[in-house]
Amino acid sequence: MVYVRVLDGTPLIRVYSFVLLEVPESYVVLQEINELNQQYTPTKWLHVENSIVCAYEIIGVPFAADQLVGVIAQVGGIVDSVDQGLQNKFGGRLPFGEFKAPQ
């Protein structure tokens, strides 16, 4: 699932998706997030409240619906391409799945 949010006080629109839930912060998780940030620019990968999140910010003024639709598709596609690999590596739960221990 991809979410869209207008950031308060800025002309920015954030498109984001929870990639993996119930993943405690650790050195190896943060190292993986750093690698994802290098590999998938201009997305931002974050670890927030035991979740791995993929976010992409665009300027919303002037508003371009086609650009927003494209970013939503891009974020969704990226998340779909990495979510199961991350779950296999770190365990946790996909947003619409069951908890799985690391393999």
PDB file of N, CA and C in Angstrom:
ATOM      1  N   MET A   1       0.843  -1.164   0.000  1.00  0.00           N
ATOM      2  CA  MET A   1       0.000   0.000   0.000  1.00  0.00           C
ATOM      3  C   MET A   1       0.896   1.236   0.000  1.00  0.00           C
ATOM      4  N   VAL A   2       0.543   2.185  -0.826  1.00  0.00           N
ATOM      5  CA  VAL A   2       1.306   3.425  -0.943  1.00  0.00           C
ATOM      6  C   VAL A   2       0.433   4.573  -0.422  1.00  0.00           C
ATOM      7  N   TYR A   3       1.031   5.417   0.408  1.00  0.00           N
ATOM      8  CA  TYR A   3       0.331   6.553   1.000  1.00  0.00           C
ATOM      9  C   TYR A   3       0.844   7.848   0.367  1.00  0.00           C
ATOM     10  N   VAL A   4      -0.017   8.864   0.343  1.00  0.00           N
ATOM     11  CA  VAL A   4       0.343  10.180  -0.180  1.00  0.00           C
ATOM     12  C   VAL A   4      -0.035  11.204   0.877  1.00  0.00           C
ATOM     13  N   ARG A   5       0.908  12.107   1.157  1.00  0.00           N
ATOM     14  CA  ARG A   5       0.665  13.099   2.194  1.00  0.00           C
ATOM     15  C   ARG A   5       1.297  14.423   1.798  1.00  0.00           C
ATOM     16  N   VAL A   6       0.567  15.512   1.989  1.00  0.00           N
ATOM     17  CA  VAL A   6       1.113  16.854   1.783  1.00  0.00           C
ATOM     18  C   VAL A   6       1.780  17.263   3.085  1.00  0.00           C
ATOM     19  N   LEU A   7       3.040  17.696   3.005  1.00  0.00           N
ATOM     20  CA  LEU A   7       3.773  18.085   4.205  1.00  0.00           C
ATOM     21  C   LEU A   7       3.385  19.493   4.623  1.00  0.00           C
ATOM     22  N   ASP A   8       3.063  19.654   5.885  1.00  0.00           N
ATOM     23  CA  ASP A   8       2.630  20.941   6.422  1.00  0.00           C
ATOM     24  C   ASP A   8       3.690  22.021   6.226  1.00  0.00           C
ATOM     25  N   GLY A   9       3.251  23.184   5.780  1.00  0.00           N
ATOM     26  CA  GLY A   9       4.124  24.343   5.679  1.00  0.00           C
ATOM     27  C   GLY A   9       5.134  24.300   4.547  1.00  0.00           C
ATOM     28  N   THR A  10       5.012  23.318   3.656  1.00  0.00           N
ATOM     29  CA  THR A  10       5.943  23.211   2.531  1.00  0.00           C
ATOM     30  C   THR A  10       5.155  22.883   1.267  1.00  0.00           C
ATOM     31  N   PRO A  11       5.767  23.069   0.119  1.00  0.00           N
ATOM     32  CA  PRO A  11       5.093  22.670  -1.124  1.00  0.00           C
ATOM     33  C   PRO A  11       5.393  21.212  -1.491  1.00  0.00           C
ATOM     34  N   LEU A  12       5.813  20.406  -0.507  1.00  0.00           N
ATOM     35  CA  LEU A  12       6.215  19.032  -0.788  1.00  0.00           C
ATOM     36  C   LEU A  12       5.086  18.031  -0.582  1.00  0.00           C
ATOM     37  N   ILE A  13       5.088  17.020  -1.435  1.00  0.00           N
ATOM     38  CA  ILE A  13       4.188  15.885  -1.315  1.00  0.00           C
ATOM     39  C   ILE A  13       5.066  14.663  -1.043  1.00  0.00           C
ATOM     40  N   ARG A  14       4.748  13.928   0.012  1.00  0.00           N
ATOM     41  CA  ARG A  14       5.501  12.709   0.335  1.00  0.00           C
ATOM     42  C   ARG A  14       4.668  11.499  -0.065  1.00  0.00           C
ATOM     43  N   VAL A  15       5.281  10.640  -0.850  1.00  0.00           N
ATOM     44  CA  VAL A  15       4.699   9.362  -1.241  1.00  0.00           C
ATOM     45  C   VAL A  15       5.520   8.316  -0.499  1.00  0.00           C
ATOM     46  N   TYR A  16       4.861   7.445   0.264  1.00  0.00           N
ATOM     47  CA  TYR A  16       5.631   6.494   1.069  1.00  0.00           C
ATOM     48  C   TYR A  16       4.883   5.183   1.245  1.00  0.00           C
ATOM     49  N   SER A  17       5.662   4.175   1.619  1.00  0.00           N
ATOM     50  CA  SER A  17       5.109   2.852   1.832  1.00  0.00           C
ATOM     51  C   SER A  17       5.867   2.161   2.950  1.00  0.00           C
ATOM     52  N   PHE A  18       5.131   1.479   3.816  1.00  0.00           N
ATOM     53  CA  PHE A  18       5.751   0.629   4.824  1.00  0.00           C
ATOM     54  C   PHE A  18       6.165  -0.656   4.120  1.00  0.00           C
ATOM     55  N   VAL A  19       7.446  -0.959   4.160  1.00  0.00           N
ATOM     56  CA  VAL A  19       7.983  -2.106   3.442  1.00  0.00           C
ATOM     57  C   VAL A  19       7.962  -3.348   4.323  1.00  0.00           C
ATOM     58  N   LEU A  20       8.408  -3.194   5.561  1.00  0.00           N
ATOM     59  CA  LEU A  20       8.524  -4.328   6.471  1.00  0.00           C
ATOM     60  C   LEU A  20       8.271  -3.848   7.893  1.00  0.00           C
ATOM     61  N   LEU A  21       7.420  -4.543   8.613  1.00  0.00           N
ATOM     62  CA  LEU A  21       7.030  -4.175   9.972  1.00  0.00           C
ATOM     63  C   LEU A  21       7.650  -5.143  10.980  1.00  0.00           C
ATOM     64  N   GLU A  22       7.695  -4.710  12.220  1.00  0.00           N
ATOM     65  CA  GLU A  22       8.187  -5.536  13.322  1.00  0.00           C
ATOM     66  C   GLU A  22       9.647  -5.962  13.122  1.00  0.00           C
ATOM     67  N   VAL A  23      10.467  -5.013  12.683  1.00  0.00           N
ATOM     68  CA  VAL A  23      11.900  -5.236  12.487  1.00  0.00           C
ATOM     69  C   VAL A  23      12.646  -4.313  13.450  1.00  0.00           C
ATOM     70  N   PRO A  24      13.223  -4.877  14.507  1.00  0.00           N
ATOM     71  CA  PRO A  24      13.951  -4.029  15.459  1.00  0.00           C
ATOM     72  C   PRO A  24      15.172  -3.379  14.802  1.00  0.00           C
ATOM     73  N   GLU A  25      15.495  -2.194  15.270  1.00  0.00           N
ATOM     74  CA  GLU A  25      16.679  -1.501  14.760  1.00  0.00           C
ATOM     75  C   GLU A  25      17.934  -2.263  15.166  1.00  0.00           C
ATOM     76  N   SER A  26      18.836  -2.412  14.224  1.00  0.00           N
ATOM     77  CA  SER A  26      20.128  -3.039  14.495  1.00  0.00           C
ATOM     78  C   SER A  26      21.139  -2.476  13.505  1.00  0.00           C
ATOM     79  N   TYR A  27      22.383  -2.750  13.763  1.00  0.00           N
ATOM     80  CA  TYR A  27      23.440  -2.278  12.872  1.00  0.00           C
ATOM     81  C   TYR A  27      23.226  -2.809  11.454  1.00  0.00           C
ATOM     82  N   VAL A  28      22.913  -4.101  11.317  1.00  0.00           N
ATOM     83  CA  VAL A  28      22.769  -4.684   9.979  1.00  0.00           C
ATOM     84  C   VAL A  28      21.538  -4.142   9.255  1.00  0.00           C
ATOM     85  N   VAL A  29      20.466  -3.857   9.980  1.00  0.00           N
ATOM     86  CA  VAL A  29      19.277  -3.261   9.356  1.00  0.00           C
ATOM     87  C   VAL A  29      19.616  -1.857   8.849  1.00  0.00           C
ATOM     88  N   LEU A  30      20.283  -1.056   9.674  1.00  0.00           N
ATOM     89  CA  LEU A  30      20.643   0.301   9.259  1.00  0.00           C
ATOM     90  C   LEU A  30      21.649   0.289   8.115  1.00  0.00           C
ATOM     91  N   GLN A  31      22.538  -0.671   8.118  1.00  0.00           N
ATOM     92  CA  GLN A  31      23.489  -0.810   7.018  1.00  0.00           C
ATOM     93  C   GLN A  31      22.746  -1.126   5.711  1.00  0.00           C
ATOM     94  N   GLU A  32      21.764  -2.004   5.779  1.00  0.00           N
ATOM     95  CA  GLU A  32      20.952  -2.333   4.599  1.00  0.00           C
ATOM     96  C   GLU A  32      20.185  -1.111   4.111  1.00  0.00           C
ATOM     97  N   ILE A  33      19.648  -0.330   5.038  1.00  0.00           N
ATOM     98  CA  ILE A  33      18.922   0.888   4.669  1.00  0.00           C
ATOM     99  C   ILE A  33      19.864   1.864   3.964  1.00  0.00           C
ATOM    100  N   ASN A  34      21.081   1.991   4.441  1.00  0.00           N
ATOM    101  CA  ASN A  34      22.061   2.853   3.767  1.00  0.00           C
ATOM    102  C   ASN A  34      22.313   2.368   2.341  1.00  0.00           C
ATOM    103  N   GLU A  35      22.426   1.066   2.157  1.00  0.00           N
ATOM    104  CA  GLU A  35      22.641   0.518   0.816  1.00  0.00           C
ATOM    105  C   GLU A  35      21.428   0.778  -0.088  1.00  0.00           C
ATOM    106  N   LEU A  36      20.227   0.642   0.458  1.00  0.00           N
ATOM    107  CA  LEU A  36      19.019   0.930  -0.327  1.00  0.00           C
ATOM    108  C   LEU A  36      18.975   2.405  -0.718  1.00  0.00           C
ATOM    109  N   ASN A  37      19.393   3.291   0.181  1.00  0.00           N
ATOM    110  CA  ASN A  37      19.429   4.725  -0.133  1.00  0.00           C
ATOM    111  C   ASN A  37      20.398   5.023  -1.265  1.00  0.00           C
ATOM    112  N   GLN A  38      21.485   4.284  -1.340  1.00  0.00           N
ATOM    113  CA  GLN A  38      22.441   4.481  -2.429  1.00  0.00           C
ATOM    114  C   GLN A  38      21.930   3.888  -3.734  1.00  0.00           C
ATOM    115  N   GLN A  39      21.249   2.768  -3.642  1.00  0.00           N
ATOM    116  CA  GLN A  39      20.796   2.063  -4.842  1.00  0.00           C
ATOM    117  C   GLN A  39      19.560   2.687  -5.472  1.00  0.00           C
ATOM    118  N   TYR A  40      18.629   3.165  -4.663  1.00  0.00           N
ATOM    119  CA  TYR A  40      17.340   3.637  -5.178  1.00  0.00           C
ATOM    120  C   TYR A  40      17.180   5.137  -4.957  1.00  0.00           C
ATOM    121  N   THR A  41      18.025   5.931  -5.607  1.00  0.00           N
ATOM    122  CA  THR A  41      17.847   7.379  -5.520  1.00  0.00           C
ATOM    123  C   THR A  41      16.747   7.770  -6.501  1.00  0.00           C
ATOM    124  N   PRO A  42      15.921   8.728  -6.220  1.00  0.00           N
ATOM    125  CA  PRO A  42      15.893   9.653  -5.092  1.00  0.00           C
ATOM    126  C   PRO A  42      14.976   9.219  -3.939  1.00  0.00           C
ATOM    127  N   THR A  43      14.692   7.932  -3.815  1.00  0.00           N
ATOM    128  CA  THR A  43      13.895   7.508  -2.669  1.00  0.00           C
ATOM    129  C   THR A  43      14.705   7.655  -1.385  1.00  0.00           C
ATOM    130  N   LYS A  44      13.979   7.751  -0.268  1.00  0.00           N
ATOM    131  CA  LYS A  44      14.601   7.785   1.054  1.00  0.00           C
ATOM    132  C   LYS A  44      14.121   6.538   1.787  1.00  0.00           C
ATOM    133  N   TRP A  45      15.049   5.777   2.311  1.00  0.00           N
ATOM    134  CA  TRP A  45      14.731   4.588   3.093  1.00  0.00           C
ATOM    135  C   TRP A  45      14.991   4.916   4.553  1.00  0.00           C
ATOM    136  N   LEU A  46      14.044   4.565   5.410  1.00  0.00           N
ATOM    137  CA  LEU A  46      14.106   4.939   6.822  1.00  0.00           C
ATOM    138  C   LEU A  46      13.734   3.744   7.690  1.00  0.00           C
ATOM    139  N   HIS A  47      14.198   3.785   8.930  1.00  0.00           N
ATOM    140  CA  HIS A  47      13.743   2.835   9.942  1.00  0.00           C
ATOM    141  C   HIS A  47      12.993   3.658  10.979  1.00  0.00           C
ATOM    142  N   VAL A  48      11.683   3.455  11.065  1.00  0.00           N
ATOM    143  CA  VAL A  48      10.830   4.257  11.940  1.00  0.00           C
ATOM    144  C   VAL A  48       9.948   3.315  12.757  1.00  0.00           C
ATOM    145  N   GLU A  49      10.051   3.400  14.067  1.00  0.00           N
ATOM    146  CA  GLU A  49       9.207   2.608  14.969  1.00  0.00           C
ATOM    147  C   GLU A  49       9.152   1.138  14.562  1.00  0.00           C
ATOM    148  N   ASN A  50      10.308   0.524  14.432  1.00  0.00           N
ATOM    149  CA  ASN A  50      10.441  -0.893  14.081  1.00  0.00           C
ATOM    150  C   ASN A  50       9.877  -1.236  12.706  1.00  0.00           C
ATOM    151  N   SER A  51       9.876  -0.279  11.799  1.00  0.00           N
ATOM    152  CA  SER A  51       9.414  -0.500  10.433  1.00  0.00           C
ATOM    153  C   SER A  51      10.418   0.069   9.444  1.00  0.00           C
ATOM    154  N   ILE A  52      10.567  -0.600   8.313  1.00  0.00           N
ATOM    155  CA  ILE A  52      11.352  -0.071   7.210  1.00  0.00           C
ATOM    156  C   ILE A  52      10.382   0.608   6.263  1.00  0.00           C
ATOM    157  N   VAL A  53      10.677   1.866   5.919  1.00  0.00           N
ATOM    158  CA  VAL A  53       9.795   2.699   5.108  1.00  0.00           C
ATOM    159  C   VAL A  53      10.560   3.202   3.891  1.00  0.00           C
ATOM    160  N   CYS A  54       9.885   3.225   2.749  1.00  0.00           N
ATOM    161  CA  CYS A  54      10.419   3.820   1.527  1.00  0.00           C
ATOM    162  C   CYS A  54       9.610   5.077   1.236  1.00  0.00           C
ATOM    163  N   ALA A  55      10.285   6.215   1.061  1.00  0.00           N
ATOM    164  CA  ALA A  55       9.595   7.487   0.823  1.00  0.00           C
ATOM    165  C   ALA A  55      10.213   8.212  -0.369  1.00  0.00           C
ATOM    166  N   TYR A  56       9.393   9.026  -1.003  1.00  0.00           N
ATOM    167  CA  TYR A  56       9.821   9.815  -2.163  1.00  0.00           C
ATOM    168  C   TYR A  56       9.079  11.145  -2.047  1.00  0.00           C
ATOM    169  N   GLU A  57       9.800  12.258  -2.109  1.00  0.00           N
ATOM    170  CA  GLU A  57       9.171  13.574  -2.007  1.00  0.00           C
ATOM    171  C   GLU A  57       9.262  14.308  -3.333  1.00  0.00           C
ATOM    172  N   ILE A  58       8.162  14.937  -3.706  1.00  0.00           N
ATOM    173  CA  ILE A  58       8.115  15.743  -4.921  1.00  0.00           C
ATOM    174  C   ILE A  58       7.568  17.120  -4.582  1.00  0.00           C
ATOM    175  N   ILE A  59       7.903  18.079  -5.406  1.00  0.00           N
ATOM    176  CA  ILE A  59       7.368  19.427  -5.247  1.00  0.00           C
ATOM    177  C   ILE A  59       5.961  19.440  -5.818  1.00  0.00           C
ATOM    178  N   GLY A  60       5.020  19.949  -5.024  1.00  0.00           N
ATOM    179  CA  GLY A  60       3.621  19.911  -5.419  1.00  0.00           C
ATOM    180  C   GLY A  60       3.093  21.191  -6.027  1.00  0.00           C
ATOM    181  N   VAL A  61       3.955  22.191  -6.242  1.00  0.00           N
ATOM    182  CA  VAL A  61       3.521  23.456  -6.818  1.00  0.00           C
ATOM    183  C   VAL A  61       4.394  23.764  -8.017  1.00  0.00           C
ATOM    184  N   PRO A  62       3.874  23.840  -9.199  1.00  0.00           N
ATOM    185  CA  PRO A  62       2.483  23.580  -9.541  1.00  0.00           C
ATOM    186  C   PRO A  62       2.204  22.073  -9.494  1.00  0.00           C
ATOM    187  N   PHE A  63       0.976  21.739  -9.175  1.00  0.00           N
ATOM    188  CA  PHE A  63       0.600  20.339  -9.055  1.00  0.00           C
ATOM    189  C   PHE A  63       0.572  19.689 -10.434  1.00  0.00           C
ATOM    190  N   ALA A  64       1.204  18.512 -10.533  1.00  0.00           N
ATOM    191  CA  ALA A  64       1.222  17.750 -11.784  1.00  0.00           C
ATOM    192  C   ALA A  64       0.741  16.333 -11.471  1.00  0.00           C
ATOM    193  N   ALA A  65      -0.514  16.063 -11.777  1.00  0.00           N
ATOM    194  CA  ALA A  65      -1.116  14.769 -11.449  1.00  0.00           C
ATOM    195  C   ALA A  65      -0.350  13.610 -12.078  1.00  0.00           C
ATOM    196  N   ASP A  66       0.100  13.772 -13.315  1.00  0.00           N
ATOM    197  CA  ASP A  66       0.840  12.699 -13.984  1.00  0.00           C
ATOM    198  C   ASP A  66       2.128  12.366 -13.234  1.00  0.00           C
ATOM    199  N   GLN A  67       2.799  13.386 -12.733  1.00  0.00           N
ATOM    200  CA  GLN A  67       4.026  13.161 -11.973  1.00  0.00           C
ATOM    201  C   GLN A  67       3.717  12.381 -10.694  1.00  0.00           C
ATOM    202  N   LEU A  68       2.661  12.756  -9.987  1.00  0.00           N
ATOM    203  CA  LEU A  68       2.283  12.074  -8.755  1.00  0.00           C
ATOM    204  C   LEU A  68       1.930  10.614  -9.031  1.00  0.00           C
ATOM    205  N   VAL A  69       1.157  10.367 -10.061  1.00  0.00           N
ATOM    206  CA  VAL A  69       0.793   8.988 -10.415  1.00  0.00           C
ATOM    207  C   VAL A  69       2.042   8.176 -10.742  1.00  0.00           C
ATOM    208  N   GLY A  70       2.981   8.767 -11.443  1.00  0.00           N
ATOM    209  CA  GLY A  70       4.227   8.088 -11.770  1.00  0.00           C
ATOM    210  C   GLY A  70       5.052   7.745 -10.539  1.00  0.00           C
ATOM    211  N   VAL A  71       5.117   8.662  -9.587  1.00  0.00           N
ATOM    212  CA  VAL A  71       5.877   8.422  -8.360  1.00  0.00           C
ATOM    213  C   VAL A  71       5.202   7.334  -7.525  1.00  0.00           C
ATOM    214  N   ILE A  72       3.883   7.353  -7.460  1.00  0.00           N
ATOM    215  CA  ILE A  72       3.168   6.295  -6.735  1.00  0.00           C
ATOM    216  C   ILE A  72       3.494   4.933  -7.342  1.00  0.00           C
ATOM    217  N   ALA A  73       3.465   4.835  -8.648  1.00  0.00           N
ATOM    218  CA  ALA A  73       3.788   3.571  -9.323  1.00  0.00           C
ATOM    219  C   ALA A  73       5.242   3.177  -9.077  1.00  0.00           C
ATOM    220  N   GLN A  74       6.137   4.151  -9.098  1.00  0.00           N
ATOM    221  CA  GLN A  74       7.554   3.860  -8.884  1.00  0.00           C
ATOM    222  C   GLN A  74       7.799   3.335  -7.473  1.00  0.00           C
ATOM    223  N   VAL A  75       7.249   3.996  -6.476  1.00  0.00           N
ATOM    224  CA  VAL A  75       7.425   3.550  -5.086  1.00  0.00           C
ATOM    225  C   VAL A  75       6.831   2.154  -4.908  1.00  0.00           C
ATOM    226  N   GLY A  76       5.634   1.946  -5.417  1.00  0.00           N
ATOM    227  CA  GLY A  76       5.016   0.623  -5.310  1.00  0.00           C
ATOM    228  C   GLY A  76       5.845  -0.461  -5.976  1.00  0.00           C
ATOM    229  N   GLY A  77       6.391  -0.173  -7.134  1.00  0.00           N
ATOM    230  CA  GLY A  77       7.213  -1.139  -7.848  1.00  0.00           C
ATOM    231  C   GLY A  77       8.507  -1.459  -7.120  1.00  0.00           C
ATOM    232  N   ILE A  78       9.148  -0.435  -6.587  1.00  0.00           N
ATOM    233  CA  ILE A  78      10.396  -0.652  -5.844  1.00  0.00           C
ATOM    234  C   ILE A  78      10.129  -1.497  -4.603  1.00  0.00           C
ATOM    235  N   VAL A  79       9.091  -1.146  -3.871  1.00  0.00           N
ATOM    236  CA  VAL A  79       8.766  -1.885  -2.649  1.00  0.00           C
ATOM    237  C   VAL A  79       8.459  -3.345  -2.980  1.00  0.00           C
ATOM    238  N   ASP A  80       7.678  -3.568  -4.019  1.00  0.00           N
ATOM    239  CA  ASP A  80       7.353  -4.946  -4.423  1.00  0.00           C
ATOM    240  C   ASP A  80       8.595  -5.738  -4.817  1.00  0.00           C
ATOM    241  N   SER A  81       9.616  -5.048  -5.321  1.00  0.00           N
ATOM    242  CA  SER A  81      10.816  -5.757  -5.775  1.00  0.00           C
ATOM    243  C   SER A  81      11.770  -6.117  -4.632  1.00  0.00           C
ATOM    244  N   VAL A  82      11.643  -5.476  -3.474  1.00  0.00           N
ATOM    245  CA  VAL A  82      12.596  -5.732  -2.384  1.00  0.00           C
ATOM    246  C   VAL A  82      11.968  -6.284  -1.108  1.00  0.00           C
ATOM    247  N   ASP A  83      10.655  -6.212  -0.959  1.00  0.00           N
ATOM    248  CA  ASP A  83      10.048  -6.529   0.336  1.00  0.00           C
ATOM    249  C   ASP A  83      10.281  -7.966   0.795  1.00  0.00           C
ATOM    250  N   GLN A  84      10.113  -8.934  -0.082  1.00  0.00           N
ATOM    251  CA  GLN A  84      10.289 -10.326   0.333  1.00  0.00           C
ATOM    252  C   GLN A  84      11.751 -10.653   0.634  1.00  0.00           C
ATOM    253  N   GLY A  85      12.670 -10.067  -0.117  1.00  0.00           N
ATOM    254  CA  GLY A  85      14.088 -10.265   0.173  1.00  0.00           C
ATOM    255  C   GLY A  85      14.469  -9.707   1.533  1.00  0.00           C
ATOM    256  N   LEU A  86      13.934  -8.533   1.866  1.00  0.00           N
ATOM    257  CA  LEU A  86      14.196  -7.950   3.183  1.00  0.00           C
ATOM    258  C   LEU A  86      13.592  -8.816   4.281  1.00  0.00           C
ATOM    259  N   GLN A  87      12.393  -9.325   4.044  1.00  0.00           N
ATOM    260  CA  GLN A  87      11.761 -10.180   5.047  1.00  0.00           C
ATOM    261  C   GLN A  87      12.561 -11.466   5.254  1.00  0.00           C
ATOM    262  N   ASN A  88      13.055 -12.058   4.177  1.00  0.00           N
ATOM    263  CA  ASN A  88      13.874 -13.259   4.309  1.00  0.00           C
ATOM    264  C   ASN A  88      15.144 -12.975   5.100  1.00  0.00           C
ATOM    265  N   LYS A  89      15.700 -11.788   4.909  1.00  0.00           N
ATOM    266  CA  LYS A  89      16.962 -11.430   5.556  1.00  0.00           C
ATOM    267  C   LYS A  89      16.787 -11.056   7.026  1.00  0.00           C
ATOM    268  N   PHE A  90      15.721 -10.269   7.330  1.00  0.00           N
ATOM    269  CA  PHE A  90      15.564  -9.704   8.665  1.00  0.00           C
ATOM    270  C   PHE A  90      14.364 -10.223   9.436  1.00  0.00           C
ATOM    271  N   GLY A  91      13.517 -11.031   8.794  1.00  0.00           N
ATOM    272  CA  GLY A  91      12.272 -11.431   9.447  1.00  0.00           C
ATOM    273  C   GLY A  91      11.289 -10.285   9.407  1.00  0.00           C
ATOM    274  N   GLY A  92      10.330 -10.301  10.298  1.00  0.00           N
ATOM    275  CA  GLY A  92       9.338  -9.242  10.342  1.00  0.00           C
ATOM    276  C   GLY A  92       8.087  -9.617   9.577  1.00  0.00           C
ATOM    277  N   ARG A  93       7.268  -8.627   9.324  1.00  0.00           N
ATOM    278  CA  ARG A  93       5.965  -8.859   8.701  1.00  0.00           C
ATOM    279  C   ARG A  93       5.761  -7.878   7.560  1.00  0.00           C
ATOM    280  N   LEU A  94       5.348  -8.409   6.421  1.00  0.00           N
ATOM    281  CA  LEU A  94       4.931  -7.541   5.325  1.00  0.00           C
ATOM    282  C   LEU A  94       3.609  -6.899   5.713  1.00  0.00           C
ATOM    283  N   PRO A  95       3.284  -5.716   5.181  1.00  0.00           N
ATOM    284  CA  PRO A  95       2.061  -5.029   5.610  1.00  0.00           C
ATOM    285  C   PRO A  95       0.792  -5.882   5.511  1.00  0.00           C
ATOM    286  N   PHE A  96       0.686  -6.776   4.559  1.00  0.00           N
ATOM    287  CA  PHE A  96      -0.500  -7.613   4.448  1.00  0.00           C
ATOM    288  C   PHE A  96      -0.151  -9.085   4.584  1.00  0.00           C
ATOM    289  N   GLY A  97       0.867  -9.372   5.391  1.00  0.00           N
ATOM    290  CA  GLY A  97       1.315 -10.751   5.524  1.00  0.00           C
ATOM    291  C   GLY A  97       1.509 -11.145   6.965  1.00  0.00           C
ATOM    292  N   GLU A  98       2.005 -12.334   7.123  1.00  0.00           N
ATOM    293  CA  GLU A  98       2.250 -12.874   8.453  1.00  0.00           C
ATOM    294  C   GLU A  98       3.692 -12.631   8.861  1.00  0.00           C
ATOM    295  N   PHE A  99       3.922 -12.674  10.176  1.00  0.00           N
ATOM    296  CA  PHE A  99       5.270 -12.529  10.695  1.00  0.00           C
ATOM    297  C   PHE A  99       6.110 -13.728  10.266  1.00  0.00           C
ATOM    298  N   LYS A 100       7.371 -13.453   9.962  1.00  0.00           N
ATOM    299  CA  LYS A 100       8.283 -14.495   9.535  1.00  0.00           C
ATOM    300  C   LYS A 100       9.628 -14.253  10.208  1.00  0.00           C
ATOM    301  N   ALA A 101      10.235 -15.321  10.721  1.00  0.00           N
ATOM    302  CA  ALA A 101      11.567 -15.208  11.317  1.00  0.00           C
ATOM    303  C   ALA A 101      12.601 -15.094  10.209  1.00  0.00           C
ATOM    304  N   PRO A 102      13.757 -14.484  10.487  1.00  0.00           N
ATOM    305  CA  PRO A 102      14.804 -14.404   9.452  1.00  0.00           C
ATOM    306  C   PRO A 102      15.259 -15.797   9.042  1.00  0.00           C
ATOM    307  N   GLN A 103      15.684 -15.920   7.785  1.00  0.00           N
ATOM    308  CA  GLN A 103      16.169 -17.221   7.303  1.00  0.00           C
ATOM    309  C   GLN A 103      17.664 -17.271   7.315  1.00  0.00           C
TER     310      GLN A 103
END
